[in-house]
Protein backbone atom coordinates (compact mmCIF):
# COMPACT_ATOMS: atom_id res chain seq x y z
CA MET A 1 0.00 0.00 0.00
CA SER A 2 1.35 3.42 -0.90
CA TYR A 3 0.10 6.92 -0.31
CA ALA A 4 0.78 10.10 -2.23
CA LEU A 5 0.47 13.50 -0.64
CA ALA A 6 -0.14 16.52 -2.82
CA PRO A 7 0.39 20.12 -1.81
CA GLN A 8 -2.83 21.98 -1.00
CA THR A 9 -2.51 24.10 -4.17
CA VAL A 10 -2.62 20.95 -6.30
CA LEU A 11 -5.89 19.97 -4.62
CA ALA A 12 -7.50 23.29 -5.52
CA HIS A 13 -10.25 23.26 -8.10
CA GLU A 14 -12.04 25.99 -10.02
CA VAL A 15 -15.77 26.37 -9.56
CA PRO A 16 -18.19 28.81 -11.17
CA ILE A 17 -19.71 31.44 -8.94
CA GLN A 18 -22.96 33.20 -9.77
CA ALA A 19 -24.62 35.32 -7.13
CA SER A 20 -27.01 38.16 -6.45
CA PHE A 21 -26.89 40.48 -3.44
CA ALA A 22 -29.08 43.21 -1.98
CA VAL A 23 -27.21 45.64 0.26
CA ALA A 24 -27.63 48.88 2.18
CA PHE A 25 -24.80 51.41 2.30
CA SER A 26 -23.68 54.58 3.98
CA GLY A 27 -21.09 57.01 2.68
CA SER A 28 -19.42 60.11 4.05
CA PRO A 29 -16.47 62.40 3.31
CA ASN A 30 -13.14 60.61 3.75
CA THR A 31 -11.82 62.99 6.42
CA ASP A 32 -9.44 60.33 7.82
CA ASN A 33 -7.92 59.64 4.36
CA VAL A 34 -8.51 55.88 4.59
CA SER A 35 -7.90 53.51 1.71
CA TYR A 36 -8.75 49.85 1.21
CA CYS A 37 -7.00 46.94 -0.50
CA GLY A 38 -4.10 48.99 -1.83
CA GLY A 39 -6.29 51.73 -3.27
CA THR A 40 -5.99 55.48 -2.86
CA ALA A 41 -7.63 57.64 -0.21
CA ASP A 42 -10.44 58.87 -2.46
CA PRO A 43 -12.76 61.70 -1.29
CA THR A 44 -15.70 59.51 -0.21
CA VAL A 45 -15.63 56.45 2.04
CA ILE A 46 -18.49 53.92 1.78
CA GLU A 47 -19.48 50.88 3.82
CA ALA A 48 -22.08 48.38 2.61
CA HIS A 49 -23.70 45.31 4.17
CA GLY A 50 -26.28 42.85 2.91
CA ASN A 51 -26.79 39.27 1.83
CA GLY A 52 -27.64 37.08 -1.08
CA PHE A 53 -27.48 33.65 -2.57
CA SER A 54 -24.87 32.10 -4.83
CA THR A 55 -23.98 28.84 -6.53
CA ILE A 56 -21.74 28.16 -3.51
CA GLY A 57 -24.57 28.82 -1.04
CA PRO A 58 -25.95 31.76 0.94
CA LEU A 59 -23.46 34.54 1.66
CA ALA A 60 -23.40 37.71 3.74
CA PHE A 61 -21.87 40.72 1.96
CA SER A 62 -19.57 43.27 3.64
CA LEU A 63 -17.79 45.97 1.60
CA GLN A 64 -15.54 48.88 2.48
CA LYS A 65 -14.60 51.12 -0.44
CA THR A 66 -13.70 54.62 -1.48
CA GLN A 67 -15.12 56.66 -4.33
CA ALA A 68 -13.69 59.30 -6.66
CA GLY A 69 -16.31 60.41 -9.21
CA PRO A 70 -17.52 57.30 -11.07
CA LEU A 71 -14.66 55.08 -9.75
CA PHE A 72 -14.86 52.82 -6.69
CA HIS A 73 -12.17 50.63 -5.07
CA GLY A 74 -12.27 48.52 -1.94
CA CYS A 75 -12.30 45.23 -0.07
CA LEU A 76 -15.19 42.76 -0.15
CA THR A 77 -15.77 39.95 2.33
CA LEU A 78 -18.39 37.27 1.63
CA THR A 79 -19.26 35.14 4.67
CA ALA A 80 -20.89 31.69 4.61
CA PRO A 81 -23.34 30.70 7.38
CA ASN A 82 -20.61 28.58 9.04
CA GLY A 83 -18.31 31.64 9.28
CA ASP A 84 -15.94 30.80 6.41
CA THR A 85 -14.99 33.96 4.51
CA LEU A 86 -14.12 34.63 0.87
CA THR A 87 -12.24 37.90 0.31
CA ALA A 88 -11.87 39.96 -2.86
CA THR A 89 -10.56 43.26 -4.14
CA TYR A 90 -13.46 45.30 -5.59
CA ASP A 91 -13.17 47.71 -8.53
CA ALA A 92 -16.19 49.40 -10.11
CA LYS A 93 -17.07 52.20 -12.47
CA GLY A 94 -20.37 54.02 -12.68
CA THR A 95 -21.57 53.71 -16.26
CA ALA A 96 -24.20 56.46 -16.42
CA PRO A 97 -25.46 59.38 -14.35
CA PRO A 98 -28.43 58.76 -12.05
CA ASN A 99 -31.83 58.62 -13.72
CA ALA A 100 -34.82 60.73 -12.59
CA ASN A 101 -35.37 58.38 -9.63
CA HIS A 102 -31.68 58.44 -8.58
CA PHE A 103 -30.77 54.92 -9.80
CA SER A 104 -27.23 54.61 -11.22
CA PRO A 105 -25.80 51.57 -13.05
CA ALA A 106 -22.22 50.33 -12.55
CA THR A 107 -20.01 47.48 -13.68
CA GLY A 108 -16.93 46.05 -12.08
CA THR A 109 -14.60 43.22 -11.20
CA LEU A 110 -13.83 41.15 -8.15
CA THR A 111 -10.37 39.63 -7.73
CA PHE A 112 -10.57 36.85 -5.15
CA THR A 113 -7.60 37.06 -2.78
CA GLY A 114 -8.15 34.34 -0.17
CA GLY A 115 -10.31 33.66 2.78
CA THR A 116 -10.75 31.33 5.72
CA GLY A 117 -11.95 27.75 6.14
CA LEU A 118 -13.21 26.35 2.85
CA PHE A 119 -12.00 29.51 1.07
CA SER A 120 -8.45 29.54 2.48
CA GLY A 121 -6.10 30.35 -0.40
CA ALA A 122 -8.97 31.14 -2.80
CA SER A 123 -8.19 32.91 -6.05
CA GLY A 124 -10.03 33.83 -9.24
CA ASN A 125 -12.05 36.61 -10.83
CA ALA A 126 -15.64 37.65 -11.34
CA THR A 127 -17.48 40.47 -13.04
CA PHE A 128 -20.55 42.20 -11.72
CA THR A 129 -23.27 44.59 -12.68
CA ALA A 130 -24.90 46.75 -10.07
CA VAL A 131 -27.51 49.42 -9.63
CA PHE A 132 -27.27 51.98 -6.82
CA ASP A 133 -29.79 54.42 -5.37
CA ALA A 134 -28.32 56.97 -2.97
CA PHE A 135 -30.45 59.33 -0.94
CA TYR A 136 -30.07 61.63 2.04
CA PRO A 137 -32.03 60.57 5.13
CA SER A 138 -34.75 63.03 6.10
CA PHE A 139 -32.98 63.77 9.41
CA ALA A 140 -29.71 64.92 7.78
CA SER A 141 -28.97 67.67 5.34
CA GLY A 142 -26.21 69.94 4.16
CA ALA A 143 -22.69 69.43 2.90
CA GLY A 144 -20.89 66.50 4.49
CA ALA A 145 -24.08 64.79 5.62
CA PRO A 146 -23.86 61.00 5.35
CA VAL A 147 -25.41 59.48 2.25
CA GLN A 148 -27.40 56.31 2.66
CA GLY A 149 -28.80 54.06 0.00
CA MET A 150 -29.20 50.63 -1.46
CA ALA A 151 -27.48 48.57 -4.13
CA PHE A 152 -28.23 45.39 -6.02
CA TYR A 153 -25.47 43.21 -7.47
CA VAL A 154 -25.33 40.32 -9.95
CA VAL A 155 -21.96 38.50 -9.94
CA GLN A 156 -20.55 35.92 -12.35
CA GLY A 157 -17.08 34.36 -12.50
CA LYS A 158 -14.85 31.56 -11.26
CA VAL A 159 -13.15 30.94 -7.96
CA SER A 160 -10.41 28.41 -7.27
CA ILE A 161 -10.75 26.82 -3.84
CA SER A 162 -8.95 24.03 -2.06
CA GLY A 163 -11.93 22.63 -0.12
CA GLY A 164 -14.90 20.71 -1.50
CA LEU A 165 -18.25 22.26 -2.29
CA ASP A 166 -20.40 19.17 -1.85
CA ARG A 167 -23.47 20.68 -0.14
CA ARG A 168 -25.78 17.66 -0.26
């Protein structure tokens, strides 16, 4: 009897990922000059949270990003119900000005950079389309007031993971 051991990277396999997410966000002036995932300290800082469902199961969505005009850059963490996380660098570009009801379309890419548990050492890429609607809450007004809103994402791509995805 003989056994062969393969490095974890050899055991990795590529799986398609398709997902949709609904999120709420808040943005404010970047007075602390923060940046995320190697990006620049753009003028607006935004945090978004939500959830959705994907071909790899249900996932919570947590995003920290900055914005300069139509460009967005940040760090995305997707969390499975068991606590395993899949991390990605997020880059997006607004593709049109807001319509009469304040909805704005955007497109972008996710570059998977690792994670924990099942997603440890994950890599790969995905594209997404999104629509945003930003609005000021009725209790805040004036320059520098936080912006709140909602966004809806559709994601499609491939992720290479070292664990199995048998969810029977």
